[in-house]
Amino acid sequence: QLQLVESGGGSVQAGGSLRLSCVASGYTYSSYCMGWFRQAPGKEREGVAAIDSDGTTNYAASVKGRFTISKDNAKNTLYLQINSLKPEDTAIYYCAAAASFGPRWWLRLHASEYKYWGQGTQVTVSS
């Protein structure tokens, strides 16, 4: 059973930056595809970034150029660097893990494809 714990959320002003972290335990996560998802009040959970076991990354169009996903396999830690924050980035951010998608890159931002989830960390951006 893979367990995921996020941290790093907070309240920031528009234009600011945050770095979210997700520590995995219970299994070697380097063989998984890891993703960051977010859910704002009244909205569906959406995928924002994913990094597969081979290091290949995918980003939602709304965050491309502002968000950077990375991982440190030695530390079993996933990161999401968020720059130029906007009020519309306000949401609970979740990390998740799924079996590697291999060439099926179009699945990496689909929440329904992920089996393991963290509890989430709140990001609030004020204007």
N, C-alpha and C. Protein backbone atom coordinates (compact mmCIF):
# COMPACT_ATOMS: atom_id res chain seq x y z
N GLN A 1 0.84 -1.18 0.00
CA GLN A 1 0.00 0.00 0.00
C GLN A 1 0.88 1.24 0.00
N LEU A 2 0.73 2.06 -1.01
CA LEU A 2 1.51 3.28 -1.13
C LEU A 2 0.78 4.40 -0.39
N GLN A 3 1.49 5.09 0.48
CA GLN A 3 0.90 6.20 1.23
C GLN A 3 1.56 7.50 0.80
N LEU A 4 0.75 8.53 0.65
CA LEU A 4 1.23 9.82 0.15
C LEU A 4 0.83 10.92 1.12
N VAL A 5 1.76 11.80 1.44
CA VAL A 5 1.49 12.91 2.36
C VAL A 5 2.00 14.20 1.74
N GLU A 6 1.08 15.14 1.48
CA GLU A 6 1.45 16.43 0.89
C GLU A 6 1.73 17.46 1.98
N SER A 7 2.52 18.45 1.60
CA SER A 7 2.77 19.60 2.46
C SER A 7 3.17 20.76 1.59
N GLY A 8 3.24 21.95 2.20
CA GLY A 8 3.73 23.11 1.49
C GLY A 8 2.68 24.11 1.05
N GLY A 9 1.42 23.77 1.26
CA GLY A 9 0.38 24.72 0.88
C GLY A 9 0.37 25.92 1.82
N GLY A 10 -0.42 26.92 1.45
CA GLY A 10 -0.52 28.11 2.28
C GLY A 10 -1.29 29.19 1.59
N SER A 11 -1.27 30.38 2.19
CA SER A 11 -1.94 31.54 1.64
C SER A 11 -0.90 32.51 1.14
N VAL A 12 -1.02 32.89 -0.12
CA VAL A 12 -0.05 33.80 -0.73
C VAL A 12 -0.80 34.83 -1.57
N GLN A 13 -0.12 35.91 -1.89
CA GLN A 13 -0.70 36.91 -2.77
C GLN A 13 -0.43 36.55 -4.22
N ALA A 14 -1.27 37.06 -5.07
CA ALA A 14 -1.09 36.83 -6.51
C ALA A 14 0.32 37.26 -6.92
N GLY A 15 0.91 36.43 -7.77
CA GLY A 15 2.27 36.68 -8.22
C GLY A 15 3.31 35.96 -7.40
N GLY A 16 2.91 35.41 -6.27
CA GLY A 16 3.84 34.71 -5.40
C GLY A 16 4.12 33.29 -5.86
N SER A 17 4.90 32.59 -5.05
CA SER A 17 5.32 31.23 -5.38
C SER A 17 5.15 30.31 -4.18
N LEU A 18 4.96 29.05 -4.47
CA LEU A 18 4.94 28.01 -3.46
C LEU A 18 5.60 26.77 -4.02
N ARG A 19 6.14 25.94 -3.13
CA ARG A 19 6.61 24.62 -3.54
C ARG A 19 5.89 23.58 -2.70
N LEU A 20 5.13 22.75 -3.37
CA LEU A 20 4.44 21.67 -2.70
C LEU A 20 5.30 20.41 -2.73
N SER A 21 5.21 19.64 -1.66
CA SER A 21 5.95 18.39 -1.58
C SER A 21 4.98 17.24 -1.28
N CYS A 22 5.36 16.07 -1.72
CA CYS A 22 4.57 14.87 -1.47
C CYS A 22 5.54 13.73 -1.18
N VAL A 23 5.51 13.24 0.04
CA VAL A 23 6.38 12.15 0.43
C VAL A 23 5.64 10.83 0.33
N ALA A 24 6.26 9.87 -0.33
CA ALA A 24 5.65 8.55 -0.51
C ALA A 24 6.30 7.54 0.41
N SER A 25 5.51 6.65 0.94
CA SER A 25 6.03 5.58 1.79
C SER A 25 5.22 4.31 1.57
N GLY A 26 5.79 3.21 1.96
CA GLY A 26 5.09 1.95 1.86
C GLY A 26 5.46 1.13 0.64
N TYR A 27 6.09 1.78 -0.33
CA TYR A 27 6.48 1.07 -1.54
C TYR A 27 7.44 1.96 -2.31
N THR A 28 8.27 1.38 -3.10
CA THR A 28 9.17 2.16 -3.94
C THR A 28 8.35 2.81 -5.04
N TYR A 29 8.28 4.12 -5.00
CA TYR A 29 7.35 4.79 -5.92
C TYR A 29 7.98 5.14 -7.26
N SER A 30 9.28 4.86 -7.43
CA SER A 30 9.95 5.29 -8.65
C SER A 30 9.36 4.63 -9.90
N SER A 31 8.67 3.51 -9.73
CA SER A 31 8.09 2.83 -10.89
C SER A 31 6.70 3.35 -11.23
N TYR A 32 6.19 4.28 -10.44
CA TYR A 32 4.85 4.80 -10.66
C TYR A 32 4.90 6.08 -11.49
N CYS A 33 3.76 6.41 -12.05
CA CYS A 33 3.52 7.75 -12.57
C CYS A 33 2.93 8.55 -11.40
N MET A 34 3.50 9.72 -11.16
CA MET A 34 3.06 10.58 -10.06
C MET A 34 2.41 11.82 -10.65
N GLY A 35 1.30 12.21 -10.05
CA GLY A 35 0.60 13.38 -10.57
C GLY A 35 0.17 14.33 -9.47
N TRP A 36 0.00 15.59 -9.87
CA TRP A 36 -0.59 16.60 -9.00
C TRP A 36 -1.96 16.97 -9.59
N PHE A 37 -2.92 17.01 -8.72
CA PHE A 37 -4.28 17.37 -9.10
C PHE A 37 -4.77 18.47 -8.16
N ARG A 38 -5.80 19.18 -8.57
CA ARG A 38 -6.36 20.20 -7.70
C ARG A 38 -7.87 20.21 -7.83
N GLN A 39 -8.51 20.64 -6.75
CA GLN A 39 -9.96 20.73 -6.76
C GLN A 39 -10.38 22.00 -6.04
N ALA A 40 -11.04 22.88 -6.78
CA ALA A 40 -11.58 24.11 -6.23
C ALA A 40 -13.02 23.86 -5.79
N PRO A 41 -13.54 24.66 -4.87
CA PRO A 41 -14.92 24.48 -4.40
C PRO A 41 -15.91 24.50 -5.57
N GLY A 42 -16.76 23.49 -5.61
CA GLY A 42 -17.78 23.42 -6.64
C GLY A 42 -17.30 22.98 -8.00
N LYS A 43 -16.03 22.59 -8.09
CA LYS A 43 -15.48 22.18 -9.38
C LYS A 43 -14.97 20.74 -9.31
N GLU A 44 -14.81 20.15 -10.47
CA GLU A 44 -14.27 18.79 -10.54
C GLU A 44 -12.77 18.82 -10.30
N ARG A 45 -12.26 17.69 -9.84
CA ARG A 45 -10.81 17.56 -9.67
C ARG A 45 -10.16 17.55 -11.05
N GLU A 46 -9.10 18.34 -11.19
CA GLU A 46 -8.41 18.41 -12.48
C GLU A 46 -6.93 18.11 -12.32
N GLY A 47 -6.39 17.48 -13.34
CA GLY A 47 -4.97 17.19 -13.35
C GLY A 47 -4.18 18.42 -13.77
N VAL A 48 -3.11 18.73 -13.06
CA VAL A 48 -2.30 19.88 -13.44
C VAL A 48 -0.93 19.49 -13.94
N ALA A 49 -0.35 18.42 -13.43
CA ALA A 49 0.97 17.99 -13.85
C ALA A 49 1.19 16.54 -13.49
N ALA A 50 1.99 15.87 -14.29
CA ALA A 50 2.31 14.47 -14.01
C ALA A 50 3.72 14.19 -14.48
N ILE A 51 4.38 13.24 -13.81
CA ILE A 51 5.71 12.81 -14.20
C ILE A 51 5.74 11.30 -14.12
N ASP A 52 6.06 10.69 -15.24
CA ASP A 52 6.01 9.23 -15.29
C ASP A 52 7.33 8.65 -14.81
N SER A 53 7.40 7.32 -14.76
CA SER A 53 8.57 6.66 -14.19
C SER A 53 9.84 6.97 -14.97
N ASP A 54 9.70 7.30 -16.26
CA ASP A 54 10.89 7.59 -17.08
C ASP A 54 11.24 9.07 -17.06
N GLY A 55 10.51 9.86 -16.24
CA GLY A 55 10.79 11.29 -16.16
C GLY A 55 10.00 12.15 -17.12
N THR A 56 9.23 11.54 -17.99
CA THR A 56 8.40 12.30 -18.93
C THR A 56 7.33 13.07 -18.18
N THR A 57 7.15 14.34 -18.54
CA THR A 57 6.19 15.19 -17.83
C THR A 57 5.07 15.64 -18.76
N ASN A 58 3.93 15.92 -18.14
CA ASN A 58 2.78 16.49 -18.84
C ASN A 58 2.18 17.58 -17.95
N TYR A 59 1.68 18.64 -18.59
CA TYR A 59 1.09 19.75 -17.86
C TYR A 59 -0.26 20.13 -18.47
N ALA A 60 -1.17 20.58 -17.62
CA ALA A 60 -2.39 21.18 -18.13
C ALA A 60 -2.05 22.51 -18.79
N ALA A 61 -2.81 22.86 -19.81
CA ALA A 61 -2.53 24.09 -20.56
C ALA A 61 -2.60 25.31 -19.64
N SER A 62 -3.46 25.26 -18.65
CA SER A 62 -3.66 26.42 -17.77
C SER A 62 -2.48 26.71 -16.86
N VAL A 63 -1.58 25.76 -16.70
CA VAL A 63 -0.46 25.94 -15.78
C VAL A 63 0.89 25.87 -16.46
N LYS A 64 0.90 25.55 -17.73
CA LYS A 64 2.17 25.38 -18.44
C LYS A 64 2.96 26.67 -18.38
N GLY A 65 4.23 26.56 -18.06
CA GLY A 65 5.10 27.73 -17.96
C GLY A 65 5.15 28.31 -16.56
N ARG A 66 4.17 27.96 -15.72
CA ARG A 66 4.16 28.47 -14.34
C ARG A 66 4.41 27.36 -13.31
N PHE A 67 4.01 26.14 -13.62
CA PHE A 67 4.16 25.01 -12.70
C PHE A 67 5.27 24.10 -13.22
N THR A 68 6.05 23.56 -12.30
CA THR A 68 7.09 22.59 -12.65
C THR A 68 7.01 21.41 -11.71
N ILE A 69 6.85 20.24 -12.28
CA ILE A 69 6.80 19.00 -11.48
C ILE A 69 8.17 18.34 -11.53
N SER A 70 8.59 17.79 -10.41
CA SER A 70 9.87 17.09 -10.35
C SER A 70 9.79 16.05 -9.24
N LYS A 71 10.77 15.18 -9.22
CA LYS A 71 10.79 14.17 -8.16
C LYS A 71 12.22 13.83 -7.80
N ASP A 72 12.39 13.40 -6.56
CA ASP A 72 13.67 12.94 -6.05
C ASP A 72 13.45 11.50 -5.61
N ASN A 73 13.86 10.57 -6.46
CA ASN A 73 13.60 9.16 -6.15
C ASN A 73 14.32 8.71 -4.89
N ALA A 74 15.48 9.26 -4.63
CA ALA A 74 16.25 8.87 -3.44
C ALA A 74 15.50 9.25 -2.16
N LYS A 75 14.71 10.33 -2.24
CA LYS A 75 13.96 10.78 -1.08
C LYS A 75 12.49 10.37 -1.13
N ASN A 76 12.12 9.66 -2.20
CA ASN A 76 10.71 9.29 -2.38
C ASN A 76 9.80 10.50 -2.28
N THR A 77 10.23 11.60 -2.87
CA THR A 77 9.49 12.86 -2.75
C THR A 77 9.19 13.45 -4.12
N LEU A 78 7.96 13.89 -4.26
CA LEU A 78 7.47 14.56 -5.45
C LEU A 78 7.30 16.03 -5.12
N TYR A 79 7.60 16.90 -6.10
CA TYR A 79 7.49 18.34 -5.87
C TYR A 79 6.62 18.98 -6.95
N LEU A 80 6.04 20.11 -6.58
CA LEU A 80 5.38 20.96 -7.55
C LEU A 80 5.76 22.40 -7.23
N GLN A 81 6.58 22.99 -8.07
CA GLN A 81 6.95 24.39 -7.95
C GLN A 81 5.89 25.21 -8.67
N ILE A 82 5.28 26.15 -7.94
CA ILE A 82 4.21 26.95 -8.51
C ILE A 82 4.65 28.41 -8.48
N ASN A 83 4.77 29.02 -9.63
CA ASN A 83 5.18 30.42 -9.74
C ASN A 83 4.04 31.25 -10.32
N SER A 84 4.16 32.55 -10.17
CA SER A 84 3.18 33.49 -10.73
C SER A 84 1.76 33.06 -10.39
N LEU A 85 1.54 32.84 -9.11
CA LEU A 85 0.23 32.34 -8.67
C LEU A 85 -0.88 33.33 -8.99
N LYS A 86 -2.03 32.78 -9.34
CA LYS A 86 -3.22 33.56 -9.67
C LYS A 86 -4.35 33.15 -8.72
N PRO A 87 -5.30 34.04 -8.49
CA PRO A 87 -6.44 33.67 -7.63
C PRO A 87 -7.15 32.40 -8.09
N GLU A 88 -7.19 32.16 -9.39
CA GLU A 88 -7.85 30.96 -9.90
C GLU A 88 -7.07 29.69 -9.64
N ASP A 89 -5.86 29.80 -9.08
CA ASP A 89 -5.11 28.62 -8.66
C ASP A 89 -5.54 28.14 -7.27
N THR A 90 -6.40 28.91 -6.61
CA THR A 90 -6.87 28.52 -5.29
C THR A 90 -7.61 27.20 -5.36
N ALA A 91 -7.16 26.23 -4.55
CA ALA A 91 -7.74 24.89 -4.57
C ALA A 91 -7.04 24.03 -3.52
N ILE A 92 -7.58 22.86 -3.32
CA ILE A 92 -6.85 21.83 -2.58
C ILE A 92 -6.03 21.06 -3.60
N TYR A 93 -4.76 20.91 -3.32
CA TYR A 93 -3.86 20.21 -4.23
C TYR A 93 -3.55 18.83 -3.67
N TYR A 94 -3.71 17.84 -4.53
CA TYR A 94 -3.50 16.45 -4.16
C TYR A 94 -2.38 15.85 -5.00
N CYS A 95 -1.57 14.99 -4.38
CA CYS A 95 -0.68 14.17 -5.19
C CYS A 95 -1.29 12.77 -5.29
N ALA A 96 -0.94 12.08 -6.33
CA ALA A 96 -1.51 10.77 -6.59
C ALA A 96 -0.51 9.91 -7.35
N ALA A 97 -0.73 8.60 -7.28
CA ALA A 97 0.17 7.66 -7.94
C ALA A 97 -0.63 6.64 -8.73
N ALA A 98 -0.06 6.29 -9.86
CA ALA A 98 -0.68 5.27 -10.72
C ALA A 98 0.43 4.44 -11.34
N ALA A 99 0.09 3.26 -11.77
CA ALA A 99 1.06 2.46 -12.52
C ALA A 99 1.48 3.26 -13.75
N SER A 100 2.73 3.10 -14.14
CA SER A 100 3.25 3.86 -15.28
C SER A 100 2.34 3.70 -16.50
N PHE A 101 2.13 4.82 -17.21
CA PHE A 101 1.27 4.78 -18.39
C PHE A 101 2.05 4.44 -19.66
N GLY A 102 3.38 4.40 -19.56
CA GLY A 102 4.14 4.09 -20.76
C GLY A 102 3.83 5.09 -21.87
N PRO A 103 3.52 4.60 -23.06
CA PRO A 103 3.27 5.50 -24.19
C PRO A 103 1.89 6.18 -24.15
N ARG A 104 1.01 5.80 -23.24
CA ARG A 104 -0.35 6.33 -23.20
C ARG A 104 -0.36 7.67 -22.45
N TRP A 105 0.34 8.65 -23.00
CA TRP A 105 0.59 9.92 -22.31
C TRP A 105 -0.71 10.66 -22.03
N TRP A 106 -1.73 10.44 -22.84
CA TRP A 106 -2.97 11.19 -22.71
C TRP A 106 -3.73 10.84 -21.45
N LEU A 107 -3.33 9.77 -20.76
CA LEU A 107 -4.01 9.36 -19.53
C LEU A 107 -3.43 9.99 -18.27
N ARG A 108 -2.27 10.63 -18.39
CA ARG A 108 -1.52 11.01 -17.19
C ARG A 108 -2.22 12.09 -16.37
N LEU A 109 -3.11 12.86 -16.95
CA LEU A 109 -3.80 13.91 -16.20
C LEU A 109 -5.25 13.54 -15.89
N HIS A 110 -5.58 12.26 -16.02
CA HIS A 110 -6.94 11.80 -15.74
C HIS A 110 -7.00 11.25 -14.32
N ALA A 111 -7.73 11.91 -13.44
CA ALA A 111 -7.79 11.51 -12.04
C ALA A 111 -8.30 10.08 -11.86
N SER A 112 -9.21 9.67 -12.73
CA SER A 112 -9.81 8.34 -12.58
C SER A 112 -8.80 7.22 -12.80
N GLU A 113 -7.65 7.54 -13.39
CA GLU A 113 -6.64 6.52 -13.65
C GLU A 113 -5.70 6.29 -12.46
N TYR A 114 -5.84 7.11 -11.42
CA TYR A 114 -4.91 7.04 -10.30
C TYR A 114 -5.52 6.28 -9.13
N LYS A 115 -4.69 5.42 -8.52
CA LYS A 115 -5.18 4.54 -7.46
C LYS A 115 -4.90 5.08 -6.07
N TYR A 116 -3.75 5.70 -5.89
CA TYR A 116 -3.35 6.16 -4.56
C TYR A 116 -3.39 7.68 -4.49
N TRP A 117 -3.91 8.19 -3.36
CA TRP A 117 -4.10 9.62 -3.19
C TRP A 117 -3.64 10.08 -1.82
N GLY A 118 -3.10 11.29 -1.76
CA GLY A 118 -2.81 11.93 -0.49
C GLY A 118 -4.05 12.63 0.02
N GLN A 119 -3.89 13.28 1.17
CA GLN A 119 -5.03 13.93 1.82
C GLN A 119 -5.26 15.35 1.32
N GLY A 120 -4.27 15.90 0.63
CA GLY A 120 -4.42 17.23 0.06
C GLY A 120 -3.80 18.32 0.91
N THR A 121 -3.43 19.41 0.25
CA THR A 121 -2.91 20.59 0.93
C THR A 121 -3.55 21.82 0.29
N GLN A 122 -4.00 22.76 1.11
CA GLN A 122 -4.75 23.91 0.63
C GLN A 122 -3.81 25.00 0.12
N VAL A 123 -4.12 25.51 -1.06
CA VAL A 123 -3.43 26.68 -1.60
C VAL A 123 -4.48 27.76 -1.81
N THR A 124 -4.23 28.92 -1.21
CA THR A 124 -5.15 30.05 -1.33
C THR A 124 -4.38 31.25 -1.85
N VAL A 125 -4.85 31.83 -2.95
CA VAL A 125 -4.18 32.96 -3.57
C VAL A 125 -5.12 34.16 -3.52
N SER A 126 -4.66 35.24 -2.93
CA SER A 126 -5.47 36.45 -2.83
C SER A 126 -4.99 37.47 -3.85
N SER A 127 -5.92 38.28 -4.32
CA SER A 127 -5.59 39.27 -5.34
C SER A 127 -5.12 40.58 -4.71
